[in-house]
Amino acid sequence: MILMRAALLSLALVATLPARGGELATRDRDFLLRGVDAHAAQSAATALQIWQWAEVGYQETQSSALLQKELADAGFTLQPGVAGMPTGFIASAGSGRPVIAILAEFDALPGISQAAVAERQVVDGRNAAHACGHNLFGAGSAAAAIVLKDWLAARGVTGTIRLYGTPAEEGGAGKAYMVRAGLFDDVDVALHWHAGDRNDASQNGSNSNKSGKFRFHGISSHAAGAPDKGRSALDGVEAMDMMANMMREHMPTTARLHYVITRGGAAPNVVPDFAEVFYYVRHPDPRVVQQLWERLTKIAEGAALGTGTTWDVEIIHGAYPLLPNHTLGRVMQASLERVGGVHYDADEAAFAQRIHATLDNPQRGLGSEQAVQPYAPEQHFGSTDVGDVSWTVPTVGLNTATWVPGTSAHSWQAAAAAGMSIGVKGMNNASKALALTAARLYLDPALVKQAREEFLRARGADFVYRPMIGERAPPLDYRK
C-alpha cells in the first residue's frame, strides 16, 4: 500500500506546511491579468467552438487543430502527434529553466447531448457534449500559456512555458501515454485546472482506476427454432455482471465498480454470438485496483465457463491517484484569492436560477460562485490521468465556478453552462490564476525547490513508476 500511504501523507502535510509569503509585483500582476482580459474574446470563441464540435476521446481532430493554430499564431513551437496520439501535442515557448507545463484537455463525453439553454434540450444528431467542461479547460489553459509567453519576453525572465494538449481524459488516459513516453521528464512543475461549481484550489486526493472491455463470443442460432444450437454471448455478459455486483459486497468501502453493456445483440430472435461490457474499477491505491481487477477477470472466466462461451479483454486505460502538493497548493490558493470569484450579470443570474431549480438537493446555493473556498484538502472519488503526471512532476490544480452552484459533472446542466457565458467567466478566472501561479514560480526558484522536496517526500524514495496502461498502444478507437 505504498502509494496510498504516500498520498495520505501528502494530505496530512497541509497542516504542517508554512504559508508562503510574498506576491508578484504590481506591474507583473497587472500585465498578466490584463493580458488574460485582452485575450478573453479569443478564448471564448475557441471554447465555444470546441463545445459545438463536442469531439470524443482520440477523435478531437478539429479541437486539437484549433488549439494548435491559436498557439502557433502566438509564436509557440508545435510538436504534434506526440506519444502515438494524433490529437496530442506540445506547444513550447521561452528557454531555460524552470520548465513549467500547463495541461489542456478538450475531449467531450459520449452519450449525452444538450443545448446551451436552461432546460433539458437534446441537440438532434449529436450524441456527445462537454458535460465535464473540457472545452473550457483547453481554451483557458491556452490563454494562460500565451499570456505567460508574452510576459516572459517582456520581462526578460528565463524559463520555458509548455502547453500539453492532452486528448482522451475521459477514459482514454492520454496523459499516461505522455508520461510513459518521458514527455514530462524535464518539467519542473505542472499546472492544470478543471471546470466546477465552485472556486477551490484545495489539493485533493483522487482514485486510481483501470478500465477494460470484456468481450464474449458464442454461437448464433435461431432463438426459437434451434435454441439448443446456440450459445449466447449476452448470457456471458449478464452472468459476469451478476457476479460482479455480488463482488461489490466484498470490496473495500472506498472502492468503486461500474460498467455499461456496449454490445448486446441486434435482435431477440437471434442468439447473439458477440457481446461486450465495459468496466471501470477504482480505489485510492493502484495496488488494490489491480487486485480487484484480477478478481474481475476471474469472474469473466467463470461467466464464460458457465455459459459455454469464450472471452477476452482489452485494457482501455489506467490512471494513478492524484499526489497533492501543498507547497504549490498554497501558491495557487493565493492566486485564486487574488482573482476572486465569478459574478453574474442579470441574464446569467436568471439562467442560473432556472438551472438551480432543476438540481436535485444541490449542495451549494446561488451566490457561492462569488466566493473562493478555504484551503481544505480531502479525498475525492473520481479519477483523472493527471494523477500519472502528479507522480512524475510536482503538480498543482484548481477548480473555478464554470457551472451553476450545485451542478454535478457529467450532467446536462454542466454541458449547458459550459456552452455559454457563465462557463467562459469561470474559464477566464482559471486562466488568471494559472498565469499568476506560474509567474510566482518563474521568479522564485526557492519555491520550485520546496515543491520538489515535498514531492519527493510524499512519493517516497522507493517509488518506481509503472504505468497502469502497461505496454499497450493508445486505444485510438475506444470511442468508435
Protein backbone atom coordinates (compact mmCIF):
# COMPACT_ATOMS: atom_id res chain seq x y z
CA MET A 1 0.00 0.00 0.00
CA ILE A 2 2.97 2.31 -0.58
CA LEU A 3 1.11 4.63 -2.95
CA MET A 4 -1.91 5.02 -0.71
CA ARG A 5 0.27 5.80 2.31
CA ALA A 6 2.21 8.35 0.27
CA ALA A 7 -0.99 10.08 -0.86
CA LEU A 8 -2.36 10.17 2.69
CA LEU A 9 0.95 11.54 3.94
CA SER A 10 0.75 14.28 1.35
CA LEU A 11 -2.77 15.18 2.50
CA ALA A 12 -1.54 15.32 6.09
CA LEU A 13 1.34 17.64 5.19
CA VAL A 14 -1.06 20.54 4.59
CA ALA A 15 -1.39 21.00 8.34
CA THR A 16 2.36 21.43 8.82
CA LEU A 17 3.46 23.38 5.77
CA PRO A 18 4.04 27.09 6.34
CA ALA A 19 2.18 29.55 4.16
CA ARG A 20 4.47 31.21 1.66
CA GLY A 21 4.76 34.93 1.86
CA GLY A 22 5.34 37.35 -0.95
CA GLU A 23 3.37 38.32 -4.02
CA LEU A 24 4.05 39.37 -7.54
CA ALA A 25 4.97 42.98 -8.12
CA THR A 26 2.04 45.11 -9.21
CA ARG A 27 3.45 45.56 -12.71
CA ASP A 28 3.72 41.79 -13.21
CA ARG A 29 0.29 41.07 -11.80
CA ASP A 30 -1.32 43.78 -13.90
CA PHE A 31 0.45 42.61 -17.06
CA LEU A 32 -0.86 39.07 -16.61
CA LEU A 33 -4.41 39.94 -15.58
CA ARG A 34 -4.81 42.49 -18.33
CA GLY A 35 -3.31 40.04 -20.79
CA VAL A 36 -5.96 37.43 -19.99
CA ASP A 37 -8.68 40.07 -20.31
CA ALA A 38 -7.28 41.19 -23.66
CA HIS A 39 -7.33 37.59 -24.86
CA ALA A 40 -10.80 36.86 -23.45
CA ALA A 41 -12.73 37.25 -26.70
CA GLN A 42 -10.40 34.82 -28.49
CA SER A 43 -10.56 32.36 -25.58
CA ALA A 44 -14.35 32.47 -25.58
CA ALA A 45 -14.53 31.88 -29.33
CA THR A 46 -12.18 28.91 -29.05
CA ALA A 47 -14.02 27.39 -26.09
CA LEU A 48 -17.46 27.74 -27.65
CA GLN A 49 -16.30 26.34 -30.98
CA ILE A 50 -14.85 23.27 -29.24
CA TRP A 51 -18.14 23.00 -27.33
CA GLN A 52 -20.05 22.96 -30.63
CA TRP A 53 -17.83 20.23 -32.12
CA ALA A 54 -18.06 18.05 -28.97
CA GLU A 55 -15.46 15.55 -30.21
CA VAL A 56 -14.88 12.46 -28.08
CA GLY A 57 -11.57 10.95 -26.98
CA TYR A 58 -8.87 10.47 -29.63
CA GLN A 59 -11.28 11.85 -32.25
CA GLU A 60 -10.75 15.53 -31.30
CA THR A 61 -9.21 16.37 -34.67
CA GLN A 62 -10.80 19.79 -35.12
CA SER A 63 -10.50 20.78 -31.45
CA SER A 64 -6.82 19.89 -31.28
CA ALA A 65 -6.09 21.65 -34.58
CA LEU A 66 -7.84 24.82 -33.40
CA LEU A 67 -5.82 24.98 -30.19
CA GLN A 68 -2.59 24.29 -32.07
CA LYS A 69 -3.35 27.07 -34.56
CA GLU A 70 -4.05 29.55 -31.78
CA LEU A 71 -0.75 28.71 -30.10
CA ALA A 72 1.24 28.70 -33.36
CA ASP A 73 -0.19 32.11 -34.26
CA ALA A 74 1.00 33.33 -30.85
CA GLY A 75 4.57 32.20 -31.60
CA PHE A 76 4.76 28.78 -29.95
CA THR A 77 6.74 25.93 -31.46
CA LEU A 78 4.46 22.96 -32.06
CA GLN A 79 5.20 19.25 -31.69
CA PRO A 80 2.07 17.44 -32.94
CA GLY A 81 1.08 13.78 -32.69
CA VAL A 82 3.10 13.01 -29.56
CA ALA A 83 3.18 9.62 -27.78
CA GLY A 84 1.41 7.89 -30.65
CA MET A 85 -1.69 10.09 -30.33
CA PRO A 86 -2.65 12.06 -33.47
CA THR A 87 -4.55 14.67 -31.42
CA GLY A 88 -1.90 15.02 -28.72
CA PHE A 89 0.61 17.87 -28.95
CA ILE A 90 3.12 20.02 -27.08
CA ALA A 91 3.48 23.77 -27.68
CA SER A 92 6.65 25.42 -26.33
CA ALA A 93 7.98 28.96 -25.89
CA GLY A 94 10.78 30.61 -23.97
CA SER A 95 14.04 28.94 -22.97
CA GLY A 96 15.87 27.60 -19.95
CA ARG A 97 14.57 26.63 -16.55
CA PRO A 98 12.25 26.36 -14.83
CA VAL A 99 10.15 24.42 -17.32
CA ILE A 100 6.50 24.88 -16.43
CA ALA A 101 3.84 22.77 -18.11
CA ILE A 102 0.16 23.67 -18.36
CA LEU A 103 -2.20 20.83 -19.19
CA ALA A 104 -5.04 21.27 -21.68
CA GLU A 105 -7.93 18.84 -22.23
CA PHE A 106 -10.53 19.03 -24.99
CA ASP A 107 -12.49 15.77 -25.25
CA ALA A 108 -16.26 15.53 -24.86
CA LEU A 109 -18.40 12.87 -23.19
CA PRO A 110 -20.38 10.40 -25.30
CA GLY A 111 -23.99 9.51 -24.57
CA ILE A 112 -25.17 12.96 -23.55
CA SER A 113 -26.47 15.82 -25.67
CA GLN A 114 -27.50 19.30 -24.56
CA ALA A 115 -28.07 22.77 -25.98
CA ALA A 116 -26.76 25.86 -24.16
CA VAL A 117 -30.14 26.55 -22.56
CA ALA A 118 -31.51 26.33 -19.03
CA GLU A 119 -33.81 23.38 -19.63
CA ARG A 120 -33.21 19.84 -20.83
CA GLN A 121 -32.89 20.09 -24.61
CA VAL A 122 -31.20 17.40 -26.68
CA VAL A 123 -29.42 18.54 -29.84
CA ASP A 124 -30.61 16.45 -32.80
CA GLY A 125 -27.84 14.45 -34.43
CA ARG A 126 -25.35 14.99 -31.61
CA ASN A 127 -24.60 12.22 -29.12
CA ALA A 128 -21.79 13.89 -27.18
CA ALA A 129 -21.40 17.02 -25.11
CA HIS A 130 -18.89 18.90 -22.98
CA ALA A 131 -20.60 17.88 -19.76
CA CYS A 132 -17.23 17.94 -17.97
CA GLY A 133 -16.17 21.33 -19.32
CA HIS A 134 -13.08 20.27 -21.25
CA ASN A 135 -13.84 22.83 -23.96
CA LEU A 136 -13.17 25.47 -21.31
CA PHE A 137 -10.17 23.58 -19.92
CA GLY A 138 -8.29 23.54 -23.23
CA ALA A 139 -9.08 27.11 -24.23
CA GLY A 140 -8.40 28.55 -20.76
CA SER A 141 -5.06 26.78 -20.46
CA ALA A 142 -4.01 28.00 -23.90
CA ALA A 143 -4.84 31.58 -22.92
CA ALA A 144 -2.72 31.34 -19.77
CA ALA A 145 0.21 29.91 -21.74
CA ILE A 146 0.03 32.68 -24.36
CA VAL A 147 -0.06 35.45 -21.76
CA LEU A 148 2.85 33.87 -19.88
CA LYS A 149 4.88 33.66 -23.09
CA ASP A 150 4.36 37.38 -23.63
CA TRP A 151 5.23 38.15 -20.01
CA LEU A 152 8.46 36.10 -20.10
CA ALA A 153 9.58 38.00 -23.18
CA ALA A 154 8.54 41.44 -21.91
CA ARG A 155 10.23 40.96 -18.54
CA GLY A 156 13.28 39.13 -19.85
CA VAL A 157 12.66 36.28 -17.43
CA THR A 158 14.40 32.96 -18.06
CA GLY A 159 12.08 29.98 -18.29
CA THR A 160 10.15 27.73 -20.64
CA ILE A 161 6.38 27.55 -20.89
CA ARG A 162 4.79 24.45 -22.40
CA LEU A 163 1.19 23.71 -23.19
CA TYR A 164 0.44 19.97 -23.28
CA GLY A 165 -2.55 19.15 -25.45
CA THR A 166 -3.79 16.00 -23.72
CA PRO A 167 -6.51 14.01 -25.51
CA ALA A 168 -9.00 11.46 -24.20
CA GLU A 169 -9.03 12.22 -20.47
CA GLU A 170 -12.48 10.64 -20.28
CA GLY A 171 -11.41 7.02 -20.10
CA GLY A 172 -8.58 7.15 -22.63
CA ALA A 173 -5.69 8.12 -20.32
CA GLY A 174 -3.92 10.34 -22.84
CA LYS A 175 -1.62 11.81 -20.19
CA ALA A 176 -0.48 8.36 -19.08
CA TYR A 177 0.89 7.70 -22.57
CA MET A 178 2.70 11.05 -22.45
CA VAL A 179 4.21 10.19 -19.07
CA ARG A 180 5.22 6.73 -20.29
CA ALA A 181 6.92 8.34 -23.30
CA GLY A 182 9.02 10.55 -20.99
CA LEU A 183 7.48 13.81 -22.16
CA PHE A 184 7.38 15.24 -18.61
CA ASP A 185 10.86 14.10 -17.58
CA ASP A 186 12.42 17.58 -17.80
CA VAL A 187 9.42 19.50 -16.43
CA ASP A 188 9.83 21.29 -13.09
CA VAL A 189 6.16 21.96 -12.30
CA ALA A 190 2.87 21.05 -13.98
CA LEU A 191 -0.28 23.16 -13.68
CA HIS A 192 -3.85 22.23 -14.52
CA TRP A 193 -7.40 23.28 -13.76
CA HIS A 194 -10.92 21.97 -14.18
CA ALA A 195 -14.45 23.17 -14.64
CA GLY A 196 -16.58 23.02 -11.50
CA ASP A 197 -19.37 24.54 -9.45
CA ARG A 198 -17.06 26.40 -7.05
CA ASN A 199 -13.76 28.28 -6.84
CA ASP A 200 -11.38 25.97 -4.97
CA ALA A 201 -7.62 25.44 -5.00
CA SER A 202 -7.53 22.69 -2.36
CA GLN A 203 -5.19 19.92 -3.47
CA ASN A 204 -7.36 16.83 -3.11
CA GLY A 205 -6.64 13.15 -3.45
CA SER A 206 -8.43 11.03 -6.07
CA ASN A 207 -8.97 7.41 -7.05
CA SER A 208 -6.69 5.31 -9.18
CA ASN A 209 -8.64 3.44 -11.81
CA LYS A 210 -8.44 0.84 -14.55
CA SER A 211 -10.86 0.00 -17.32
CA GLY A 212 -11.33 -2.64 -19.96
CA LYS A 213 -13.79 -4.04 -22.48
CA PHE A 214 -14.72 -7.67 -21.75
CA ARG A 215 -15.81 -9.40 -24.94
CA PHE A 216 -17.74 -12.67 -25.01
CA HIS A 217 -18.01 -14.94 -28.04
CA GLY A 218 -20.74 -17.53 -28.52
CA ILE A 219 -22.62 -19.33 -31.30
CA SER A 220 -25.56 -17.76 -33.11
CA SER A 221 -28.73 -19.68 -33.87
CA HIS A 222 -32.48 -19.20 -34.20
CA ALA A 223 -33.67 -18.38 -30.67
CA ALA A 224 -36.95 -20.32 -31.17
CA GLY A 225 -36.23 -22.83 -33.93
CA ALA A 226 -32.83 -24.07 -32.73
CA PRO A 227 -32.12 -22.70 -29.24
CA ASP A 228 -30.05 -25.75 -28.33
CA LYS A 229 -27.61 -24.95 -31.10
CA GLY A 230 -26.81 -21.51 -29.73
CA ARG A 231 -24.52 -20.23 -27.00
CA SER A 232 -25.37 -16.67 -26.06
CA ALA A 233 -22.53 -14.20 -25.68
CA LEU A 234 -25.02 -11.91 -23.95
CA ASP A 235 -25.58 -14.62 -21.33
CA GLY A 236 -21.84 -14.44 -20.67
CA VAL A 237 -22.03 -10.67 -20.17
CA GLU A 238 -25.08 -10.88 -17.94
CA ALA A 239 -23.57 -13.68 -15.85
CA MET A 240 -20.42 -11.60 -15.41
CA ASP A 241 -22.42 -8.54 -14.39
CA MET A 242 -24.42 -10.55 -11.85
CA MET A 243 -21.28 -11.93 -10.19
CA ALA A 244 -19.52 -8.55 -10.32
CA ASN A 245 -22.44 -7.00 -8.47
CA MET A 246 -22.10 -9.73 -5.84
CA MET A 247 -18.42 -8.76 -5.52
CA ARG A 248 -19.42 -5.22 -4.52
CA GLU A 249 -20.33 -6.50 -1.03
CA HIS A 250 -16.80 -7.77 -0.58
CA MET A 251 -14.75 -4.80 -1.80
CA PRO A 252 -13.08 -2.10 0.32
CA THR A 253 -15.55 0.66 1.18
CA THR A 254 -13.55 3.22 -0.80
CA ALA A 255 -13.57 1.11 -3.98
CA ARG A 256 -15.88 1.77 -6.91
CA LEU A 257 -17.05 -0.58 -9.68
CA HIS A 258 -19.22 0.39 -12.64
CA TYR A 259 -19.99 -0.88 -16.11
CA VAL A 260 -22.08 -0.43 -19.24
CA ILE A 261 -23.09 -3.07 -21.79
CA THR A 262 -21.83 -1.67 -25.09
CA ARG A 263 -22.89 -4.57 -27.34
CA GLY A 264 -25.72 -6.94 -26.52
CA GLY A 265 -27.03 -8.31 -29.78
CA ALA A 266 -29.23 -6.98 -32.56
CA ALA A 267 -32.50 -8.96 -32.48
CA PRO A 268 -34.23 -11.04 -29.78
CA ASN A 269 -34.81 -13.98 -32.12
CA VAL A 270 -31.10 -14.33 -32.90
CA VAL A 271 -28.86 -15.81 -30.22
CA PRO A 272 -26.03 -13.23 -30.13
CA ASP A 273 -22.59 -14.62 -30.88
CA PHE A 274 -20.88 -11.44 -29.64
CA ALA A 275 -21.45 -9.17 -26.64
CA GLU A 276 -19.30 -6.64 -24.83
CA VAL A 277 -19.30 -4.95 -21.44
CA PHE A 278 -17.06 -2.01 -20.48
CA TYR A 279 -15.87 -1.99 -16.82
CA TYR A 280 -14.21 0.58 -14.54
CA VAL A 281 -12.54 -0.28 -11.20
CA ARG A 282 -11.44 2.49 -8.81
CA HIS A 283 -9.65 2.80 -5.47
CA PRO A 284 -7.16 5.30 -3.98
CA ASP A 285 -4.36 2.70 -4.15
CA PRO A 286 -3.38 1.28 -7.57
CA ARG A 287 -2.40 -1.99 -5.92
CA VAL A 288 -5.96 -2.50 -4.71
CA VAL A 289 -7.23 -1.64 -8.19
CA GLN A 290 -5.02 -4.38 -9.61
CA GLN A 291 -6.26 -6.88 -7.01
CA LEU A 292 -9.89 -6.09 -7.77
CA TRP A 293 -9.15 -6.31 -11.49
CA GLU A 294 -7.75 -9.80 -11.06
CA ARG A 295 -10.93 -10.81 -9.24
CA LEU A 296 -12.99 -9.31 -12.06
CA THR A 297 -11.14 -11.33 -14.68
CA LYS A 298 -11.81 -14.50 -12.65
CA ILE A 299 -15.48 -13.57 -12.74
CA ALA A 300 -15.31 -13.24 -16.54
CA GLU A 301 -13.66 -16.64 -16.73
CA GLY A 302 -16.40 -18.19 -14.62
CA ALA A 303 -19.14 -16.49 -16.63
CA ALA A 304 -17.74 -17.90 -19.87
CA LEU A 305 -17.37 -21.38 -18.41
CA GLY A 306 -20.95 -21.37 -17.14
CA THR A 307 -22.47 -20.15 -20.42
CA GLY A 308 -20.41 -22.17 -22.87
CA THR A 309 -18.80 -19.09 -24.34
CA THR A 310 -15.27 -17.75 -24.63
CA TRP A 311 -13.99 -14.35 -23.56
CA ASP A 312 -11.14 -11.87 -23.86
CA VAL A 313 -10.46 -8.42 -22.50
CA GLU A 314 -8.87 -5.27 -23.92
CA ILE A 315 -7.40 -2.94 -21.31
CA ILE A 316 -8.51 0.54 -22.29
CA HIS A 317 -6.92 2.79 -19.71
CA GLY A 318 -5.47 3.11 -16.23
CA ALA A 319 -4.55 6.07 -14.06
CA TYR A 320 -2.75 6.80 -10.82
CA PRO A 321 -4.37 8.78 -7.99
CA LEU A 322 -3.53 12.46 -7.66
CA LEU A 323 -0.49 13.14 -5.49
CA PRO A 324 -1.22 16.52 -3.88
CA ASN A 325 1.49 19.14 -3.50
CA HIS A 326 0.59 21.66 -0.82
CA THR A 327 3.57 23.93 -1.35
CA LEU A 328 2.18 24.61 -4.79
CA GLY A 329 -1.38 24.48 -3.49
CA ARG A 330 -0.74 27.43 -1.19
CA VAL A 331 0.57 29.45 -4.12
CA MET A 332 -2.44 28.55 -6.24
CA GLN A 333 -4.77 29.42 -3.37
CA ALA A 334 -3.22 32.88 -3.08
CA SER A 335 -3.51 33.37 -6.84
CA LEU A 336 -7.18 32.34 -6.85
CA GLU A 337 -7.95 34.63 -3.92
CA ARG A 338 -6.31 37.49 -5.82
CA VAL A 339 -8.51 36.75 -8.87
CA GLY A 340 -11.70 36.23 -6.87
CA GLY A 341 -14.96 34.56 -7.77
CA VAL A 342 -17.45 34.72 -10.63
CA HIS A 343 -20.09 37.47 -10.82
CA TYR A 344 -23.21 37.05 -12.96
CA ASP A 345 -24.93 39.78 -14.90
CA ALA A 346 -28.73 39.91 -14.94
CA ASP A 347 -29.15 37.44 -17.81
CA GLU A 348 -26.66 34.99 -16.28
CA ALA A 349 -28.37 35.25 -12.90
CA ALA A 350 -31.71 34.39 -14.50
CA PHE A 351 -30.11 31.44 -16.34
CA ALA A 352 -28.52 30.26 -13.08
CA GLN A 353 -31.81 30.43 -11.20
CA ARG A 354 -33.53 28.29 -13.83
CA ILE A 355 -30.71 25.74 -13.79
CA HIS A 356 -30.59 25.66 -10.00
CA ALA A 357 -34.30 24.88 -9.87
CA THR A 358 -33.65 21.66 -11.84
CA LEU A 359 -30.99 20.33 -9.45
CA ASP A 360 -31.75 17.54 -7.02
CA ASN A 361 -30.79 18.60 -3.48
CA PRO A 362 -27.95 20.94 -4.55
CA GLN A 363 -25.13 21.18 -2.03
CA ARG A 364 -24.28 24.75 -2.96
CA GLY A 365 -26.53 27.76 -3.15
CA LEU A 366 -26.63 30.59 -5.67
CA GLY A 367 -24.18 33.30 -4.72
CA SER A 368 -21.44 30.87 -3.68
CA GLU A 369 -19.89 31.30 -7.13
CA GLN A 370 -18.71 34.73 -5.95
CA ALA A 371 -16.59 33.27 -3.14
CA VAL A 372 -13.27 31.44 -3.04
CA GLN A 373 -13.41 28.35 -0.85
CA PRO A 374 -10.92 27.94 2.01
CA TYR A 375 -7.98 25.62 1.55
CA ALA A 376 -9.28 22.31 2.88
CA PRO A 377 -7.93 19.21 1.09
CA GLU A 378 -9.94 15.98 1.15
CA GLN A 379 -10.18 12.62 -0.63
CA HIS A 380 -12.29 12.64 -3.78
CA PHE A 381 -13.63 9.52 -5.50
CA GLY A 382 -13.33 10.45 -9.16
CA SER A 383 -10.27 9.71 -11.27
CA THR A 384 -8.09 11.59 -13.72
CA ASP A 385 -5.00 10.85 -15.75
CA VAL A 386 -3.49 14.00 -14.23
CA GLY A 387 -2.63 11.52 -11.49
CA ASP A 388 0.13 9.97 -13.61
CA VAL A 389 1.61 13.42 -14.18
CA SER A 390 1.48 14.20 -10.46
CA TRP A 391 3.65 11.14 -9.60
CA THR A 392 6.20 12.27 -12.20
CA VAL A 393 6.50 16.00 -11.53
CA PRO A 394 5.19 18.34 -8.78
CA THR A 395 1.66 19.20 -9.91
CA VAL A 396 -0.99 21.68 -8.82
CA GLY A 397 -4.53 22.43 -9.96
CA LEU A 398 -7.68 24.34 -9.19
CA ASN A 399 -11.40 24.48 -9.93
CA THR A 400 -13.38 27.54 -10.88
CA ALA A 401 -17.13 28.13 -10.96
CA THR A 402 -17.84 27.47 -14.62
CA TRP A 403 -21.14 25.78 -13.70
CA VAL A 404 -24.11 26.93 -11.66
CA PRO A 405 -23.51 26.13 -7.95
CA GLY A 406 -24.74 22.66 -7.05
CA THR A 407 -24.24 21.27 -10.58
CA SER A 408 -22.55 17.90 -10.81
CA ALA A 409 -20.13 16.91 -13.56
CA HIS A 410 -21.34 14.75 -16.46
CA SER A 411 -24.80 16.31 -16.36
CA TRP A 412 -26.86 18.22 -18.91
CA GLN A 413 -26.73 21.24 -16.59
CA ALA A 414 -22.92 21.21 -16.73
CA ALA A 415 -22.96 20.97 -20.53
CA ALA A 416 -25.41 23.87 -20.79
CA ALA A 417 -23.31 26.23 -18.66
CA ALA A 418 -20.07 25.20 -20.41
CA GLY A 419 -21.56 26.45 -23.67
CA MET A 420 -22.38 29.99 -22.57
CA SER A 421 -21.00 33.00 -20.73
CA ILE A 422 -21.15 31.53 -17.21
CA GLY A 423 -18.64 28.90 -18.27
CA VAL A 424 -16.50 31.46 -20.06
CA LYS A 425 -16.30 33.70 -16.99
CA GLY A 426 -15.09 30.84 -14.83
CA MET A 427 -12.60 29.87 -17.54
CA ASN A 428 -11.08 33.36 -17.62
CA ASN A 429 -10.64 33.29 -13.85
CA ALA A 430 -8.81 29.97 -14.18
CA SER A 431 -6.52 31.45 -16.84
CA LYS A 432 -5.65 34.29 -14.50
CA ALA A 433 -4.94 32.02 -11.53
CA LEU A 434 -2.72 29.76 -13.67
CA ALA A 435 -0.80 32.76 -15.04
CA LEU A 436 -0.24 34.32 -11.59
CA THR A 437 0.89 30.99 -10.13
CA ALA A 438 3.32 30.25 -12.95
CA ALA A 439 4.82 33.74 -12.73
CA ARG A 440 5.43 33.32 -9.00
CA LEU A 441 7.30 30.09 -9.73
CA TYR A 442 9.40 31.62 -12.51
CA LEU A 443 10.51 34.40 -10.17
CA ASP A 444 11.11 32.27 -7.06
CA PRO A 445 13.49 29.32 -7.57
CA ALA A 446 13.32 28.53 -3.84
CA LEU A 447 9.59 27.91 -4.18
CA VAL A 448 10.17 25.44 -7.01
CA LYS A 449 12.82 23.72 -4.91
CA GLN A 450 10.49 23.50 -1.90
CA ALA A 451 7.75 21.98 -4.07
CA ARG A 452 10.21 19.42 -5.40
CA GLU A 453 11.32 18.46 -1.90
CA GLU A 454 7.73 17.94 -0.78
CA PHE A 455 7.04 15.91 -3.92
CA LEU A 456 9.97 13.58 -3.26
CA ARG A 457 8.99 13.08 0.39
CA ALA A 458 5.37 12.32 -0.48
CA ARG A 459 6.25 10.00 -3.36
CA GLY A 460 8.78 8.03 -1.35
CA ALA A 461 12.38 7.08 -2.08
CA ASP A 462 11.47 3.63 -3.40
CA PHE A 463 8.80 4.71 -5.87
CA VAL A 464 9.10 3.42 -9.44
CA TYR A 465 6.51 4.50 -11.98
CA ARG A 466 4.82 1.51 -13.61
CA PRO A 467 2.03 2.66 -15.90
CA MET A 468 -1.39 1.13 -15.31
CA ILE A 469 -1.81 1.02 -19.09
CA GLY A 470 1.01 -1.48 -19.41
CA GLU A 471 2.69 -1.65 -22.80
CA ARG A 472 -0.38 -1.24 -24.99
CA ALA A 473 -0.59 1.50 -27.63
CA PRO A 474 -3.13 4.29 -27.16
CA PRO A 475 -6.67 2.93 -27.78
CA LEU A 476 -7.42 5.35 -30.60
CA ASP A 477 -10.71 3.64 -31.47
CA TYR A 478 -12.12 3.13 -27.96
CA ARG A 479 -14.95 5.59 -28.60
CA LYS A 480 -15.87 4.24 -32.03
